[in-house]
């Protein structure tokens, strides 16, 4: 039963990683659309896009960390 729970945790980590990849794609897609509409603010909007990327990547790295923590404790 415990091995099944570990496998479910690994699957949840995979789903979280896929969600983070989609979110990062949305961040940079929005950046491209914004720069196409208003090129004069490209430098400022790039900084905001990198901030969004960093926050999304932090969430993406939190999911496997919790999966490894749970699998090593149990």
Protein backbone atom coordinates (compact mmCIF):
# COMPACT_ATOMS: atom_id res chain seq x y z
CA UNK A 1 0.00 0.00 0.00
CA UNK A 2 2.84 2.36 0.79
CA UNK A 3 4.49 1.75 -2.59
CA UNK A 4 1.24 2.66 -4.31
CA UNK A 5 1.11 5.94 -2.42
CA UNK A 6 4.69 6.71 -3.48
CA UNK A 7 3.78 6.04 -7.10
CA UNK A 8 0.78 8.35 -6.80
CA UNK A 9 3.06 11.04 -5.40
CA UNK A 10 5.43 10.63 -8.33
CA UNK A 11 2.51 11.00 -10.72
CA UNK A 12 1.35 14.15 -8.95
CA UNK A 13 4.86 15.56 -9.31
CA UNK A 14 4.77 14.86 -13.04
CA UNK A 15 1.43 16.62 -13.37
CA UNK A 16 2.76 19.61 -11.42
CA UNK A 17 5.80 19.81 -13.70
CA UNK A 18 3.59 19.73 -16.79
CA UNK A 19 1.46 22.54 -15.32
CA UNK A 20 4.55 24.61 -14.65
CA UNK A 21 5.74 24.12 -18.23
CA UNK A 22 2.38 25.33 -19.54
CA UNK A 23 2.51 28.33 -17.22
CA UNK A 24 6.00 29.31 -18.38
CA UNK A 25 4.80 29.08 -21.96
CA UNK A 26 1.90 31.40 -21.10
CA UNK A 27 4.22 33.93 -19.47
CA UNK A 28 6.46 34.24 -22.51
CA UNK A 29 3.53 34.11 -24.93
CA UNK A 30 2.02 37.08 -23.12
CA UNK A 31 5.38 38.85 -23.29
CA UNK A 32 5.56 38.40 -27.06
CA UNK A 33 2.01 39.69 -27.50
CA UNK A 34 2.67 42.70 -25.27
CA UNK A 35 5.90 43.65 -27.02
CA UNK A 36 4.20 43.31 -30.40
CA UNK A 37 1.54 45.77 -29.28
CA UNK A 38 3.80 48.21 -27.41
CA UNK A 39 7.50 47.90 -28.35
CA UNK A 40 8.53 50.99 -26.38
CA UNK A 41 7.99 49.14 -23.08
CA UNK A 42 9.85 45.98 -24.10
CA UNK A 43 12.68 46.34 -21.57
CA UNK A 44 10.37 46.89 -18.60
CA UNK A 45 7.99 44.10 -19.58
CA UNK A 46 10.91 41.68 -20.00
CA UNK A 47 11.79 42.21 -16.34
CA UNK A 48 8.23 41.38 -15.34
CA UNK A 49 8.30 38.28 -17.53
CA UNK A 50 11.50 37.07 -15.88
CA UNK A 51 9.89 37.61 -12.47
CA UNK A 52 6.89 35.55 -13.57
CA UNK A 53 9.22 32.86 -14.90
CA UNK A 54 11.15 32.74 -11.62
CA UNK A 55 8.02 32.45 -9.49
CA UNK A 56 6.59 29.73 -11.72
CA UNK A 57 9.88 27.84 -11.65
CA UNK A 58 9.95 28.06 -7.85
CA UNK A 59 6.57 26.36 -7.72
CA UNK A 60 7.80 23.77 -10.22
CA UNK A 61 10.82 22.94 -8.09
CA UNK A 62 8.72 22.79 -4.92
CA UNK A 63 6.64 19.84 -6.19
CA UNK A 64 9.51 17.34 -6.69
CA UNK A 65 11.10 18.49 -3.45
CA UNK A 66 7.96 17.56 -1.56
CA UNK A 67 7.70 14.24 -3.41
CA UNK A 68 11.28 13.31 -2.47
CA UNK A 69 10.68 14.42 1.10
CA UNK A 70 7.56 12.29 1.41
CA UNK A 71 9.18 9.25 -0.20
CA UNK A 72 12.23 9.45 2.07
CA UNK A 73 10.20 9.90 5.27
CA UNK A 74 7.89 6.97 4.60
